[in-house]
Amino acid sequence: LSASDSILLGALAILIAAIAYPKLLKRKSPTSGADWRLMKCMGL
């Protein structure tokens, strides 16, 4: 692969990992006590 294509594909791989992390996190460490409102407040 070219250097430019490899960097773009690498960014895509990180995006896929970010998409998958909520499901993995829920299995390993349940976040039932987390307040999504506070999470949204911090994100905003």
All heavy atoms as atom14 arrays in JSON, in Angstrom:
{
  "sequence": "LSASDSILLGALAILIAAIAYPKLLKRKSPTSGADWRLMKCMGL",
  "atom14_mask": [
    [1, 1, 1, 1, 1, 1, 1, 1, 0, 0, 0, 0, 0, 0],
    [1, 1, 1, 1, 1, 1, 0, 0, 0, 0, 0, 0, 0, 0],
    [1, 1, 1, 1, 1, 0, 0, 0, 0, 0, 0, 0, 0, 0],
    [1, 1, 1, 1, 1, 1, 0, 0, 0, 0, 0, 0, 0, 0],
    [1, 1, 1, 1, 1, 1, 1, 1, 0, 0, 0, 0, 0, 0],
    [1, 1, 1, 1, 1, 1, 0, 0, 0, 0, 0, 0, 0, 0],
    [1, 1, 1, 1, 1, 1, 1, 1, 0, 0, 0, 0, 0, 0],
    [1, 1, 1, 1, 1, 1, 1, 1, 0, 0, 0, 0, 0, 0],
    [1, 1, 1, 1, 1, 1, 1, 1, 0, 0, 0, 0, 0, 0],
    [1, 1, 1, 1, 0, 0, 0, 0, 0, 0, 0, 0, 0, 0],
    [1, 1, 1, 1, 1, 0, 0, 0, 0, 0, 0, 0, 0, 0],
    [1, 1, 1, 1, 1, 1, 1, 1, 0, 0, 0, 0, 0, 0],
    [1, 1, 1, 1, 1, 0, 0, 0, 0, 0, 0, 0, 0, 0],
    [1, 1, 1, 1, 1, 1, 1, 1, 0, 0, 0, 0, 0, 0],
    [1, 1, 1, 1, 1, 1, 1, 1, 0, 0, 0, 0, 0, 0],
    [1, 1, 1, 1, 1, 1, 1, 1, 0, 0, 0, 0, 0, 0],
    [1, 1, 1, 1, 1, 0, 0, 0, 0, 0, 0, 0, 0, 0],
    [1, 1, 1, 1, 1, 0, 0, 0, 0, 0, 0, 0, 0, 0],
    [1, 1, 1, 1, 1, 1, 1, 1, 0, 0, 0, 0, 0, 0],
    [1, 1, 1, 1, 1, 0, 0, 0, 0, 0, 0, 0, 0, 0],
    [1, 1, 1, 1, 1, 1, 1, 1, 1, 1, 1, 1, 0, 0],
    [1, 1, 1, 1, 1, 1, 1, 0, 0, 0, 0, 0, 0, 0],
    [1, 1, 1, 1, 1, 1, 1, 1, 1, 0, 0, 0, 0, 0],
    [1, 1, 1, 1, 1, 1, 1, 1, 0, 0, 0, 0, 0, 0],
    [1, 1, 1, 1, 1, 1, 1, 1, 0, 0, 0, 0, 0, 0],
    [1, 1, 1, 1, 1, 1, 1, 1, 1, 0, 0, 0, 0, 0],
    [1, 1, 1, 1, 1, 1, 1, 1, 1, 1, 1, 0, 0, 0],
    [1, 1, 1, 1, 1, 1, 1, 1, 1, 0, 0, 0, 0, 0],
    [1, 1, 1, 1, 1, 1, 0, 0, 0, 0, 0, 0, 0, 0],
    [1, 1, 1, 1, 1, 1, 1, 0, 0, 0, 0, 0, 0, 0],
    [1, 1, 1, 1, 1, 1, 1, 0, 0, 0, 0, 0, 0, 0],
    [1, 1, 1, 1, 1, 1, 0, 0, 0, 0, 0, 0, 0, 0],
    [1, 1, 1, 1, 0, 0, 0, 0, 0, 0, 0, 0, 0, 0],
    [1, 1, 1, 1, 1, 0, 0, 0, 0, 0, 0, 0, 0, 0],
    [1, 1, 1, 1, 1, 1, 1, 1, 0, 0, 0, 0, 0, 0],
    [1, 1, 1, 1, 1, 1, 1, 1, 1, 1, 1, 1, 1, 1],
    [1, 1, 1, 1, 1, 1, 1, 1, 1, 1, 1, 0, 0, 0],
    [1, 1, 1, 1, 1, 1, 1, 1, 0, 0, 0, 0, 0, 0],
    [1, 1, 1, 1, 1, 1, 1, 1, 0, 0, 0, 0, 0, 0],
    [1, 1, 1, 1, 1, 1, 1, 1, 1, 0, 0, 0, 0, 0],
    [1, 1, 1, 1, 1, 1, 0, 0, 0, 0, 0, 0, 0, 0],
    [1, 1, 1, 1, 1, 1, 1, 1, 0, 0, 0, 0, 0, 0],
    [1, 1, 1, 1, 0, 0, 0, 0, 0, 0, 0, 0, 0, 0],
    [1, 1, 1, 1, 1, 1, 1, 1, 0, 0, 0, 0, 0, 0]
  ],
  "atom14_positions": [
    [[0.84, -1.19, 0.0], [0.0, 0.0, 0.0], [0.88, 1.25, 0.0], [2.0, 1.23, 0.5], [-0.92, 0.02, 1.22], [-2.01, -1.05, 1.31], [-2.7, -1.0, 2.66], [-3.03, -0.87, 0.2], [0.0, 0.0, 0.0], [0.0, 0.0, 0.0], [0.0, 0.0, 0.0], [0.0, 0.0, 0.0], [0.0, 0.0, 0.0], [0.0, 0.0, 0.0]],
    [[0.35, 2.33, -0.55], [1.06, 3.6, -0.47], [0.96, 4.17, 0.93], [0.1, 3.76, 1.73], [0.47, 4.59, -1.48], [-0.86, 4.92, -1.14], [0.0, 0.0, 0.0], [0.0, 0.0, 0.0], [0.0, 0.0, 0.0], [0.0, 0.0, 0.0], [0.0, 0.0, 0.0], [0.0, 0.0, 0.0], [0.0, 0.0, 0.0], [0.0, 0.0, 0.0]],
    [[1.83, 5.14, 1.24], [1.82, 5.74, 2.57], [0.5, 6.44, 2.85], [-0.05, 6.35, 3.95], [2.99, 6.72, 2.7], [0.0, 0.0, 0.0], [0.0, 0.0, 0.0], [0.0, 0.0, 0.0], [0.0, 0.0, 0.0], [0.0, 0.0, 0.0], [0.0, 0.0, 0.0], [0.0, 0.0, 0.0], [0.0, 0.0, 0.0], [0.0, 0.0, 0.0]],
    [[-0.04, 7.14, 1.85], [-1.29, 7.86, 2.06], [-2.46, 6.9, 2.29], [-3.3, 7.13, 3.17], [-1.58, 8.78, 0.86], [-1.63, 8.03, -0.34], [0.0, 0.0, 0.0], [0.0, 0.0, 0.0], [0.0, 0.0, 0.0], [0.0, 0.0, 0.0], [0.0, 0.0, 0.0], [0.0, 0.0, 0.0], [0.0, 0.0, 0.0], [0.0, 0.0, 0.0]],
    [[-2.51, 5.82, 1.51], [-3.59, 4.84, 1.69], [-3.49, 4.15, 3.05], [-4.51, 3.88, 3.7], [-3.55, 3.8, 0.58], [-3.98, 4.37, -0.76], [-4.64, 5.42, -0.77], [-3.64, 3.77, -1.81], [0.0, 0.0, 0.0], [0.0, 0.0, 0.0], [0.0, 0.0, 0.0], [0.0, 0.0, 0.0], [0.0, 0.0, 0.0], [0.0, 0.0, 0.0]],
    [[-2.26, 3.87, 3.49], [-2.09, 3.18, 4.77], [-2.55, 4.04, 5.94], [-3.15, 3.55, 6.89], [-0.63, 2.76, 4.96], [0.2, 3.9, 5.09], [0.0, 0.0, 0.0], [0.0, 0.0, 0.0], [0.0, 0.0, 0.0], [0.0, 0.0, 0.0], [0.0, 0.0, 0.0], [0.0, 0.0, 0.0], [0.0, 0.0, 0.0], [0.0, 0.0, 0.0]],
    [[-2.29, 5.34, 5.86], [-2.71, 6.23, 6.95], [-4.23, 6.35, 6.98], [-4.84, 6.33, 8.06], [-2.06, 7.62, 6.77], [-0.54, 7.53, 7.02], [-2.67, 8.63, 7.72], [0.19, 8.82, 6.8], [0.0, 0.0, 0.0], [0.0, 0.0, 0.0], [0.0, 0.0, 0.0], [0.0, 0.0, 0.0], [0.0, 0.0, 0.0], [0.0, 0.0, 0.0]],
    [[-4.87, 6.44, 5.81], [-6.32, 6.52, 5.78], [-6.95, 5.22, 6.3], [-7.92, 5.24, 7.07], [-6.8, 6.8, 4.36], [-8.31, 7.01, 4.19], [-8.75, 8.26, 4.94], [-8.69, 7.12, 2.72], [0.0, 0.0, 0.0], [0.0, 0.0, 0.0], [0.0, 0.0, 0.0], [0.0, 0.0, 0.0], [0.0, 0.0, 0.0], [0.0, 0.0, 0.0]],
    [[-6.4, 4.08, 5.9], [-6.93, 2.81, 6.38], [-6.68, 2.64, 7.88], [-7.5, 2.05, 8.59], [-6.29, 1.65, 5.6], [-6.71, 1.52, 4.14], [-5.91, 0.43, 3.45], [-8.21, 1.23, 4.03], [0.0, 0.0, 0.0], [0.0, 0.0, 0.0], [0.0, 0.0, 0.0], [0.0, 0.0, 0.0], [0.0, 0.0, 0.0], [0.0, 0.0, 0.0]],
    [[-5.56, 3.16, 8.36], [-5.3, 3.13, 9.79], [-6.32, 3.94, 10.57], [-6.81, 3.51, 11.63], [0.0, 0.0, 0.0], [0.0, 0.0, 0.0], [0.0, 0.0, 0.0], [0.0, 0.0, 0.0], [0.0, 0.0, 0.0], [0.0, 0.0, 0.0], [0.0, 0.0, 0.0], [0.0, 0.0, 0.0], [0.0, 0.0, 0.0], [0.0, 0.0, 0.0]],
    [[-6.67, 5.13, 10.03], [-7.71, 5.95, 10.66], [-9.05, 5.22, 10.66], [-9.83, 5.3, 11.62], [-7.83, 7.29, 9.95], [0.0, 0.0, 0.0], [0.0, 0.0, 0.0], [0.0, 0.0, 0.0], [0.0, 0.0, 0.0], [0.0, 0.0, 0.0], [0.0, 0.0, 0.0], [0.0, 0.0, 0.0], [0.0, 0.0, 0.0], [0.0, 0.0, 0.0]],
    [[-9.32, 4.49, 9.57], [-10.56, 3.7, 9.5], [-10.56, 2.59, 10.55], [-11.58, 2.31, 11.18], [-10.72, 3.12, 8.1], [-11.95, 2.23, 7.86], [-13.24, 3.0, 8.12], [-11.93, 1.65, 6.45], [0.0, 0.0, 0.0], [0.0, 0.0, 0.0], [0.0, 0.0, 0.0], [0.0, 0.0, 0.0], [0.0, 0.0, 0.0], [0.0, 0.0, 0.0]],
    [[-9.4, 1.96, 10.75], [-9.3, 0.9, 11.76], [-9.55, 1.44, 13.16], [-10.23, 0.8, 13.98], [-7.92, 0.24, 11.68], [0.0, 0.0, 0.0], [0.0, 0.0, 0.0], [0.0, 0.0, 0.0], [0.0, 0.0, 0.0], [0.0, 0.0, 0.0], [0.0, 0.0, 0.0], [0.0, 0.0, 0.0], [0.0, 0.0, 0.0], [0.0, 0.0, 0.0]],
    [[-9.04, 2.62, 13.45], [-9.27, 3.24, 14.76], [-10.75, 3.59, 14.92], [-11.33, 3.43, 16.0], [-8.37, 4.47, 14.92], [-6.9, 4.05, 14.98], [-8.74, 5.25, 16.18], [-5.93, 5.21, 15.0], [0.0, 0.0, 0.0], [0.0, 0.0, 0.0], [0.0, 0.0, 0.0], [0.0, 0.0, 0.0], [0.0, 0.0, 0.0], [0.0, 0.0, 0.0]],
    [[-11.38, 4.06, 13.84], [-12.8, 4.37, 13.89], [-13.62, 3.1, 14.19], [-14.55, 3.13, 15.0], [-13.25, 5.0, 12.58], [-14.76, 5.28, 12.44], [-15.21, 6.28, 13.47], [-15.1, 5.75, 11.04], [0.0, 0.0, 0.0], [0.0, 0.0, 0.0], [0.0, 0.0, 0.0], [0.0, 0.0, 0.0], [0.0, 0.0, 0.0], [0.0, 0.0, 0.0]],
    [[-13.26, 2.0, 13.55], [-13.97, 0.75, 13.79], [-13.79, 0.3, 15.24], [-14.74, -0.18, 15.89], [-13.49, -0.34, 12.81], [-13.89, 0.04, 11.37], [-14.07, -1.7, 13.17], [-13.33, -0.87, 10.31], [0.0, 0.0, 0.0], [0.0, 0.0, 0.0], [0.0, 0.0, 0.0], [0.0, 0.0, 0.0], [0.0, 0.0, 0.0], [0.0, 0.0, 0.0]],
    [[-12.58, 0.47, 15.76], [-12.35, 0.11, 17.16], [-13.18, 0.98, 18.1], [-13.72, 0.51, 19.1], [-10.86, 0.25, 17.49], [0.0, 0.0, 0.0], [0.0, 0.0, 0.0], [0.0, 0.0, 0.0], [0.0, 0.0, 0.0], [0.0, 0.0, 0.0], [0.0, 0.0, 0.0], [0.0, 0.0, 0.0], [0.0, 0.0, 0.0], [0.0, 0.0, 0.0]],
    [[-13.3, 2.28, 17.76], [-14.12, 3.17, 18.58], [-15.59, 2.79, 18.5], [-16.33, 2.91, 19.49], [-13.92, 4.62, 18.12], [0.0, 0.0, 0.0], [0.0, 0.0, 0.0], [0.0, 0.0, 0.0], [0.0, 0.0, 0.0], [0.0, 0.0, 0.0], [0.0, 0.0, 0.0], [0.0, 0.0, 0.0], [0.0, 0.0, 0.0], [0.0, 0.0, 0.0]],
    [[-16.03, 2.32, 17.34], [-17.42, 1.89, 17.2], [-17.7, 0.65, 18.06], [-18.78, 0.5, 18.64], [-17.72, 1.6, 15.71], [-17.72, 2.91, 14.9], [-19.07, 0.9, 15.56], [-17.87, 2.71, 13.42], [0.0, 0.0, 0.0], [0.0, 0.0, 0.0], [0.0, 0.0, 0.0], [0.0, 0.0, 0.0], [0.0, 0.0, 0.0], [0.0, 0.0, 0.0]],
    [[-16.71, -0.21, 18.18], [-16.9, -1.47, 18.9], [-16.75, -1.34, 20.41], [-17.24, -2.21, 21.14], [-15.93, -2.53, 18.37], [0.0, 0.0, 0.0], [0.0, 0.0, 0.0], [0.0, 0.0, 0.0], [0.0, 0.0, 0.0], [0.0, 0.0, 0.0], [0.0, 0.0, 0.0], [0.0, 0.0, 0.0], [0.0, 0.0, 0.0], [0.0, 0.0, 0.0]],
    [[-16.11, -0.27, 20.89], [-15.76, -0.25, 22.31], [-16.94, -0.23, 23.28], [-16.85, -0.81, 24.36], [-14.8, 0.92, 22.59], [-15.42, 2.19, 23.1], [-15.61, 2.39, 24.46], [-15.8, 3.21, 22.24], [-16.17, 3.57, 24.94], [-16.36, 4.38, 22.7], [-16.55, 4.55, 24.06], [-17.1, 5.71, 24.54], [0.0, 0.0, 0.0], [0.0, 0.0, 0.0]],
    [[-18.09, 0.4, 22.96], [-19.18, 0.36, 23.95], [-19.67, -1.06, 24.24], [-19.97, -1.39, 25.39], [-20.27, 1.21, 23.28], [-19.56, 2.1, 22.34], [-18.44, 1.29, 21.82], [0.0, 0.0, 0.0], [0.0, 0.0, 0.0], [0.0, 0.0, 0.0], [0.0, 0.0, 0.0], [0.0, 0.0, 0.0], [0.0, 0.0, 0.0], [0.0, 0.0, 0.0]],
    [[-19.74, -1.92, 23.21], [-20.18, -3.29, 23.43], [-19.17, -4.07, 24.26], [-19.53, -4.82, 25.18], [-20.4, -3.97, 22.08], [-21.56, -3.4, 21.28], [-22.89, -3.64, 21.97], [-24.05, -3.14, 21.11], [-25.35, -3.34, 21.78], [0.0, 0.0, 0.0], [0.0, 0.0, 0.0], [0.0, 0.0, 0.0], [0.0, 0.0, 0.0], [0.0, 0.0, 0.0]],
    [[-17.87, -3.88, 23.93], [-16.83, -4.57, 24.69], [-16.8, -4.08, 26.13], [-16.62, -4.86, 27.07], [-15.47, -4.36, 24.02], [-15.33, -4.94, 22.6], [-13.97, -4.56, 22.03], [-15.5, -6.45, 22.61], [0.0, 0.0, 0.0], [0.0, 0.0, 0.0], [0.0, 0.0, 0.0], [0.0, 0.0, 0.0], [0.0, 0.0, 0.0], [0.0, 0.0, 0.0]],
    [[-16.97, -2.78, 26.32], [-16.94, -2.21, 27.67], [-18.12, -2.72, 28.49], [-17.98, -2.99, 29.7], [-16.98, -0.68, 27.58], [-16.8, 0.09, 28.9], [-15.43, -0.17, 29.47], [-17.01, 1.58, 28.66], [0.0, 0.0, 0.0], [0.0, 0.0, 0.0], [0.0, 0.0, 0.0], [0.0, 0.0, 0.0], [0.0, 0.0, 0.0], [0.0, 0.0, 0.0]],
    [[-19.24, -2.89, 27.86], [-20.43, -3.37, 28.58], [-20.24, -4.8, 29.05], [-20.7, -5.2, 30.12], [-21.65, -3.26, 27.68], [-22.96, -3.58, 28.37], [-24.13, -3.34, 27.45], [-25.45, -3.66, 28.15], [-26.6, -3.43, 27.27], [0.0, 0.0, 0.0], [0.0, 0.0, 0.0], [0.0, 0.0, 0.0], [0.0, 0.0, 0.0], [0.0, 0.0, 0.0]],
    [[-19.51, -5.61, 28.26], [-19.28, -7.0, 28.64], [-18.26, -7.1, 29.77], [-18.42, -7.86, 30.72], [-18.78, -7.8, 27.44], [-19.83, -7.98, 26.35], [-19.25, -8.72, 25.17], [-20.23, -8.87, 24.08], [-19.95, -9.45, 22.92], [-18.73, -9.93, 22.7], [-20.88, -9.54, 21.99], [0.0, 0.0, 0.0], [0.0, 0.0, 0.0], [0.0, 0.0, 0.0]],
    [[-17.19, -6.32, 29.67], [-16.11, -6.43, 30.65], [-16.41, -5.69, 31.93], [-16.12, -6.14, 33.03], [-14.81, -5.88, 30.02], [-14.34, -6.64, 28.79], [-13.93, -8.06, 29.12], [-13.38, -8.78, 27.9], [-13.0, -10.18, 28.22], [0.0, 0.0, 0.0], [0.0, 0.0, 0.0], [0.0, 0.0, 0.0], [0.0, 0.0, 0.0], [0.0, 0.0, 0.0]],
    [[-17.0, -4.49, 31.79], [-17.25, -3.65, 32.96], [-18.58, -2.94, 32.79], [-18.64, -1.87, 32.18], [-16.11, -2.63, 33.14], [-16.39, -1.77, 34.21], [0.0, 0.0, 0.0], [0.0, 0.0, 0.0], [0.0, 0.0, 0.0], [0.0, 0.0, 0.0], [0.0, 0.0, 0.0], [0.0, 0.0, 0.0], [0.0, 0.0, 0.0], [0.0, 0.0, 0.0]],
    [[-19.65, -3.54, 33.24], [-20.98, -2.94, 33.03], [-21.04, -1.51, 33.53], [-20.53, -1.18, 34.59], [-21.9, -3.86, 33.84], [-21.16, -5.15, 33.94], [-19.71, -4.8, 34.01], [0.0, 0.0, 0.0], [0.0, 0.0, 0.0], [0.0, 0.0, 0.0], [0.0, 0.0, 0.0], [0.0, 0.0, 0.0], [0.0, 0.0, 0.0], [0.0, 0.0, 0.0]],
    [[-21.67, -0.64, 32.75], [-21.76, 0.79, 33.09], [-23.19, 1.17, 33.44], [-23.64, 2.28, 33.14], [-21.27, 1.65, 31.91], [-22.06, 1.31, 30.77], [-19.82, 1.41, 31.61], [0.0, 0.0, 0.0], [0.0, 0.0, 0.0], [0.0, 0.0, 0.0], [0.0, 0.0, 0.0], [0.0, 0.0, 0.0], [0.0, 0.0, 0.0], [0.0, 0.0, 0.0]],
    [[-23.88, 0.22, 34.07], [-25.28, 0.5, 34.4], [-25.43, 1.65, 35.38], [-26.47, 2.28, 35.46], [-25.94, -0.76, 34.98], [-25.24, -1.19, 36.13], [0.0, 0.0, 0.0], [0.0, 0.0, 0.0], [0.0, 0.0, 0.0], [0.0, 0.0, 0.0], [0.0, 0.0, 0.0], [0.0, 0.0, 0.0], [0.0, 0.0, 0.0], [0.0, 0.0, 0.0]],
    [[-24.37, 1.95, 36.14], [-24.45, 3.06, 37.09], [-24.09, 4.39, 36.5], [-24.17, 5.42, 37.17], [0.0, 0.0, 0.0], [0.0, 0.0, 0.0], [0.0, 0.0, 0.0], [0.0, 0.0, 0.0], [0.0, 0.0, 0.0], [0.0, 0.0, 0.0], [0.0, 0.0, 0.0], [0.0, 0.0, 0.0], [0.0, 0.0, 0.0], [0.0, 0.0, 0.0]],
    [[-23.66, 4.4, 35.23], [-23.25, 5.65, 34.59], [-24.47, 6.49, 34.23], [-25.5, 5.97, 33.81], [-22.43, 5.35, 33.35], [0.0, 0.0, 0.0], [0.0, 0.0, 0.0], [0.0, 0.0, 0.0], [0.0, 0.0, 0.0], [0.0, 0.0, 0.0], [0.0, 0.0, 0.0], [0.0, 0.0, 0.0], [0.0, 0.0, 0.0], [0.0, 0.0, 0.0]],
    [[-24.35, 7.76, 34.4], [-25.43, 8.69, 34.07], [-25.13, 9.29, 32.69], [-24.18, 10.06, 32.53], [-25.51, 9.78, 35.12], [-26.63, 10.77, 34.84], [-27.42, 10.53, 33.91], [-26.7, 11.78, 35.55], [0.0, 0.0, 0.0], [0.0, 0.0, 0.0], [0.0, 0.0, 0.0], [0.0, 0.0, 0.0], [0.0, 0.0, 0.0], [0.0, 0.0, 0.0]],
    [[-25.94, 8.94, 31.69], [-25.67, 9.43, 30.34], [-25.85, 10.94, 30.27], [-25.23, 11.59, 29.41], [-26.59, 8.74, 29.34], [-28.05, 9.04, 29.48], [-28.98, 8.35, 30.16], [-28.73, 10.17, 28.89], [-30.21, 8.94, 30.07], [-30.11, 10.05, 29.28], [-28.35, 11.22, 28.08], [-31.06, 10.97, 28.88], [-29.3, 12.14, 27.69], [-30.64, 12.02, 28.08]],
    [[-26.64, 11.5, 31.17], [-26.82, 12.95, 31.18], [-25.52, 13.66, 31.56], [-25.17, 14.69, 30.98], [-27.94, 13.32, 32.14], [-29.31, 12.75, 31.74], [-30.35, 13.02, 32.8], [-31.62, 12.4, 32.49], [-31.92, 11.14, 32.76], [-31.01, 10.35, 33.35], [-33.09, 10.64, 32.43], [0.0, 0.0, 0.0], [0.0, 0.0, 0.0], [0.0, 0.0, 0.0]],
    [[-24.84, 13.13, 32.54], [-23.56, 13.72, 32.94], [-22.52, 13.53, 31.84], [-21.73, 14.43, 31.56], [-23.08, 13.09, 34.25], [-21.72, 13.59, 34.77], [-21.75, 15.1, 34.95], [-21.37, 12.9, 36.08], [0.0, 0.0, 0.0], [0.0, 0.0, 0.0], [0.0, 0.0, 0.0], [0.0, 0.0, 0.0], [0.0, 0.0, 0.0], [0.0, 0.0, 0.0]],
    [[-22.53, 12.34, 31.22], [-21.61, 12.11, 30.11], [-21.86, 13.11, 28.97], [-20.93, 13.66, 28.38], [-21.77, 10.67, 29.59], [-20.76, 10.29, 28.51], [-21.03, 8.63, 27.84], [-20.74, 7.65, 29.31], [0.0, 0.0, 0.0], [0.0, 0.0, 0.0], [0.0, 0.0, 0.0], [0.0, 0.0, 0.0], [0.0, 0.0, 0.0], [0.0, 0.0, 0.0]],
    [[-23.14, 13.35, 28.69], [-23.48, 14.31, 27.64], [-23.08, 15.72, 28.04], [-22.58, 16.49, 27.2], [-24.98, 14.24, 27.37], [-25.45, 15.16, 26.25], [-26.91, 14.92, 25.93], [-27.38, 15.82, 24.8], [-28.79, 15.56, 24.43], [0.0, 0.0, 0.0], [0.0, 0.0, 0.0], [0.0, 0.0, 0.0], [0.0, 0.0, 0.0], [0.0, 0.0, 0.0]],
    [[-23.29, 16.05, 29.3], [-22.9, 17.37, 29.8], [-21.41, 17.6, 29.59], [-20.99, 18.64, 29.09], [-23.27, 17.5, 31.27], [-22.73, 19.04, 32.03], [0.0, 0.0, 0.0], [0.0, 0.0, 0.0], [0.0, 0.0, 0.0], [0.0, 0.0, 0.0], [0.0, 0.0, 0.0], [0.0, 0.0, 0.0], [0.0, 0.0, 0.0], [0.0, 0.0, 0.0]],
    [[-20.61, 16.61, 29.97], [-19.16, 16.74, 29.82], [-18.76, 16.82, 28.36], [-17.89, 17.6, 27.97], [-18.46, 15.57, 30.51], [-18.7, 15.51, 32.01], [-17.74, 14.21, 32.8], [-16.08, 14.8, 32.5], [0.0, 0.0, 0.0], [0.0, 0.0, 0.0], [0.0, 0.0, 0.0], [0.0, 0.0, 0.0], [0.0, 0.0, 0.0], [0.0, 0.0, 0.0]],
    [[-19.41, 16.0, 27.51], [-19.1, 16.04, 26.08], [-19.45, 17.37, 25.44], [-18.7, 17.9, 24.63], [0.0, 0.0, 0.0], [0.0, 0.0, 0.0], [0.0, 0.0, 0.0], [0.0, 0.0, 0.0], [0.0, 0.0, 0.0], [0.0, 0.0, 0.0], [0.0, 0.0, 0.0], [0.0, 0.0, 0.0], [0.0, 0.0, 0.0], [0.0, 0.0, 0.0]],
    [[-20.62, 17.92, 25.8], [-21.03, 19.21, 25.23], [-20.14, 20.35, 25.69], [-19.79, 21.24, 24.91], [-22.49, 19.5, 25.6], [-23.55, 18.59, 24.97], [-24.93, 18.94, 25.49], [-23.52, 18.69, 23.46], [0.0, 0.0, 0.0], [0.0, 0.0, 0.0], [0.0, 0.0, 0.0], [0.0, 0.0, 0.0], [0.0, 0.0, 0.0], [0.0, 0.0, 0.0]]
  ]
}
